[in-house]
Amino acid sequence: MTDSIERDTTSEIRAAVENFFEQDKIKYTPFDERNVASAIYNVDTKFGHATVFFRAYNDRLVFHFVIPLSASEEERPKVGEFLLRANYGLKIGGFDFDFDDGEISYRVSIYCGEENFSPPTYEQIDFSVIVGLMMIEKYGDALVKVMFGLVEPSDAVDAVEAND
């Protein structure tokens, strides 16, 4: 009978994220008891920044790019439509929308495996951050226009994707 030490894969994922922060010299809030760290990134949109929450699980790393605007109750149906239309065809990640409080975010996940666990690499984390920020920048200003009733959701998405 051999003794086996259970691997703390959540700590390995946390260490990979901390290494990413250190390599890129990013100011961040360290991981808390829920295994969540965060950093604020500037984005080229009307709202100017997004807070990225990095949540480590035992088999994956999930990124939530939360924008600093919430949809009011009366705006939520149109914002929801806009985000669903924007999600259609996305290859990596997608927009999330909380219909209860109006929070809007973009989500990307990296699966690290269970049996053949491998913590995320610097390149995987960097790529995920870049993708999330690019989607926030791509759709952000059109989202604001929808939130303020300046354009219909379908027209806003069509305008954003016209050059794809």
Protein backbone atom coordinates (compact mmCIF):
# COMPACT_ATOMS: atom_id res chain seq x y z
CA MET A 1 0.00 0.00 0.00
CA THR A 2 1.40 3.39 -0.98
CA ASP A 3 0.66 6.69 0.64
CA SER A 4 -0.63 9.27 -1.73
CA ILE A 5 -0.69 12.95 -1.03
CA GLU A 6 -3.73 14.69 -2.41
CA ARG A 7 -2.73 17.46 -4.78
CA ASP A 8 -3.95 20.99 -3.95
CA THR A 9 -4.85 21.97 -7.51
CA THR A 10 -6.71 25.13 -6.45
CA SER A 11 -3.49 26.45 -4.91
CA GLU A 12 -1.62 25.63 -8.12
CA ILE A 13 -4.15 27.65 -10.14
CA ARG A 14 -3.89 30.52 -7.67
CA ALA A 15 -0.09 30.44 -7.96
CA ALA A 16 -0.33 30.55 -11.76
CA VAL A 17 -2.55 33.66 -11.58
CA GLU A 18 -0.26 35.34 -9.05
CA ASN A 19 2.70 34.60 -11.34
CA PHE A 20 0.77 36.23 -14.21
CA PHE A 21 0.14 39.33 -12.08
CA GLU A 22 3.81 39.54 -11.08
CA GLN A 23 5.13 39.03 -14.61
CA ASP A 24 2.84 41.73 -16.01
CA LYS A 25 3.35 44.00 -12.96
CA ILE A 26 -0.41 44.23 -12.42
CA LYS A 27 -1.78 45.82 -9.29
CA TYR A 28 -4.33 43.37 -7.91
CA THR A 29 -6.37 42.37 -4.89
CA PRO A 30 -5.04 39.00 -3.64
CA PHE A 31 -7.08 35.83 -3.48
CA ASP A 32 -9.62 35.73 -0.66
CA GLU A 33 -11.18 32.81 1.23
CA ARG A 34 -13.49 32.19 -1.77
CA ASN A 35 -10.43 31.82 -4.05
CA VAL A 36 -11.18 35.08 -5.88
CA ALA A 37 -8.61 37.71 -6.86
CA SER A 38 -9.32 40.86 -8.86
CA ALA A 39 -7.69 43.57 -10.93
CA ILE A 40 -8.99 46.65 -12.68
CA TYR A 41 -8.17 47.10 -16.36
CA ASN A 42 -8.70 50.19 -18.49
CA VAL A 43 -10.83 49.66 -21.57
CA ASP A 44 -11.42 51.94 -24.54
CA THR A 45 -15.14 52.48 -23.93
CA LYS A 46 -17.40 55.20 -22.57
CA PHE A 47 -17.26 53.54 -19.12
CA GLY A 48 -13.43 53.36 -19.14
CA HIS A 49 -12.64 50.25 -17.11
CA ALA A 50 -13.67 46.74 -16.14
CA THR A 51 -12.97 44.79 -12.98
CA VAL A 52 -11.71 41.30 -13.69
CA PHE A 53 -12.42 38.64 -11.08
CA PHE A 54 -10.20 35.54 -11.26
CA ARG A 55 -11.85 32.58 -9.50
CA ALA A 56 -9.79 29.46 -8.91
CA TYR A 57 -11.54 26.11 -8.62
CA ASN A 58 -9.89 22.69 -8.28
CA ASP A 59 -10.20 22.00 -12.03
CA ARG A 60 -10.59 25.40 -13.74
CA LEU A 61 -9.98 29.13 -13.68
CA VAL A 62 -12.94 31.40 -14.41
CA PHE A 63 -12.60 35.07 -15.39
CA HIS A 64 -15.48 37.53 -14.96
CA PHE A 65 -14.99 40.92 -16.61
CA VAL A 66 -17.54 43.10 -14.83
CA ILE A 67 -18.39 46.48 -16.30
CA PRO A 68 -19.14 49.40 -13.95
CA LEU A 69 -22.70 49.86 -15.20
CA SER A 70 -25.86 48.04 -14.21
CA ALA A 71 -28.98 47.95 -16.32
CA SER A 72 -32.01 49.47 -14.65
CA GLU A 73 -35.09 47.28 -14.33
CA GLU A 74 -36.81 48.90 -17.32
CA GLU A 75 -33.67 48.52 -19.49
CA ARG A 76 -33.10 44.84 -18.71
CA PRO A 77 -35.17 43.25 -21.51
CA LYS A 78 -33.35 45.25 -24.21
CA VAL A 79 -29.94 44.76 -22.59
CA GLY A 80 -30.63 41.03 -22.32
CA GLU A 81 -31.58 40.90 -25.98
CA PHE A 82 -28.44 42.82 -26.95
CA LEU A 83 -26.19 40.48 -24.96
CA LEU A 84 -27.83 37.33 -26.35
CA ARG A 85 -27.44 38.66 -29.88
CA ALA A 86 -23.80 39.54 -29.16
CA ASN A 87 -23.17 36.03 -27.77
CA TYR A 88 -24.39 34.31 -30.92
CA GLY A 89 -21.35 32.95 -32.72
CA LEU A 90 -18.75 33.86 -30.10
CA LYS A 91 -16.04 31.22 -30.03
CA ILE A 92 -14.40 31.97 -26.67
CA GLY A 93 -16.39 33.10 -23.67
CA GLY A 94 -19.66 34.95 -23.58
CA PHE A 95 -21.60 37.73 -21.93
CA ASP A 96 -23.43 37.08 -18.67
CA PHE A 97 -26.36 39.14 -17.44
CA ASP A 98 -28.02 39.09 -14.04
CA PHE A 99 -31.67 39.93 -14.64
CA ASP A 100 -32.16 40.39 -10.88
CA ASP A 101 -29.68 43.24 -10.33
CA GLY A 102 -28.65 44.28 -13.86
CA GLU A 103 -24.97 43.29 -13.56
CA ILE A 104 -23.24 42.77 -16.91
CA SER A 105 -20.05 40.79 -17.38
CA TYR A 106 -18.06 38.75 -19.86
CA ARG A 107 -16.91 35.26 -18.84
CA VAL A 108 -14.00 33.13 -20.01
CA SER A 109 -12.94 29.79 -18.48
CA ILE A 110 -9.83 27.66 -18.67
CA TYR A 111 -10.36 23.98 -17.90
CA CYS A 112 -7.27 22.47 -16.27
CA GLY A 113 -8.39 18.85 -16.10
CA GLU A 114 -9.02 16.43 -13.28
CA GLU A 115 -7.13 13.21 -13.96
CA ASN A 116 -4.48 14.95 -16.06
CA PHE A 117 -4.49 18.29 -14.23
CA SER A 118 -2.21 21.01 -15.54
CA PRO A 119 -2.36 24.55 -14.10
CA PRO A 120 -2.98 27.32 -16.63
CA THR A 121 0.09 28.76 -18.30
CA TYR A 122 0.99 32.43 -18.46
CA GLU A 123 0.00 32.38 -22.16
CA GLN A 124 -3.43 30.88 -21.44
CA ILE A 125 -4.18 33.43 -18.73
CA ASP A 126 -2.90 36.31 -20.85
CA PHE A 127 -4.94 35.15 -23.86
CA SER A 128 -8.10 34.86 -21.74
CA VAL A 129 -7.62 38.36 -20.30
CA ILE A 130 -7.01 39.81 -23.77
CA VAL A 131 -10.09 38.09 -25.23
CA GLY A 132 -12.34 39.31 -22.42
CA LEU A 133 -11.08 42.89 -22.62
CA MET A 134 -11.38 42.90 -26.41
CA MET A 135 -15.02 41.78 -26.23
CA ILE A 136 -15.79 44.44 -23.62
CA GLU A 137 -14.20 47.05 -25.90
CA LYS A 138 -15.87 45.69 -29.03
CA TYR A 139 -19.43 45.69 -27.65
CA GLY A 140 -19.16 48.19 -24.77
CA ASP A 141 -20.15 51.45 -26.45
CA ALA A 142 -23.02 49.79 -28.34
CA LEU A 143 -24.23 48.38 -25.02
CA VAL A 144 -24.25 51.89 -23.54
CA LYS A 145 -26.32 53.13 -26.48
CA VAL A 146 -28.84 50.34 -25.89
CA MET A 147 -28.95 51.11 -22.16
CA PHE A 148 -29.78 54.75 -22.88
CA GLY A 149 -32.40 53.89 -25.50
CA LEU A 150 -30.42 55.40 -28.38
CA VAL A 151 -30.50 52.29 -30.54
CA GLU A 152 -32.36 48.99 -30.75
CA PRO A 153 -30.43 45.86 -29.69
CA SER A 154 -30.43 44.23 -33.14
CA ASP A 155 -29.22 47.42 -34.84
CA ALA A 156 -26.49 47.87 -32.23
CA VAL A 157 -25.12 44.36 -32.70
CA ASP A 158 -25.36 44.65 -36.48
CA ALA A 159 -23.33 47.88 -36.38
CA VAL A 160 -20.65 46.34 -34.16
CA GLU A 161 -20.33 43.23 -36.30
CA ALA A 162 -20.56 44.96 -39.68
CA ASN A 163 -16.79 44.74 -40.20
CA ASP A 164 -16.26 41.18 -38.89
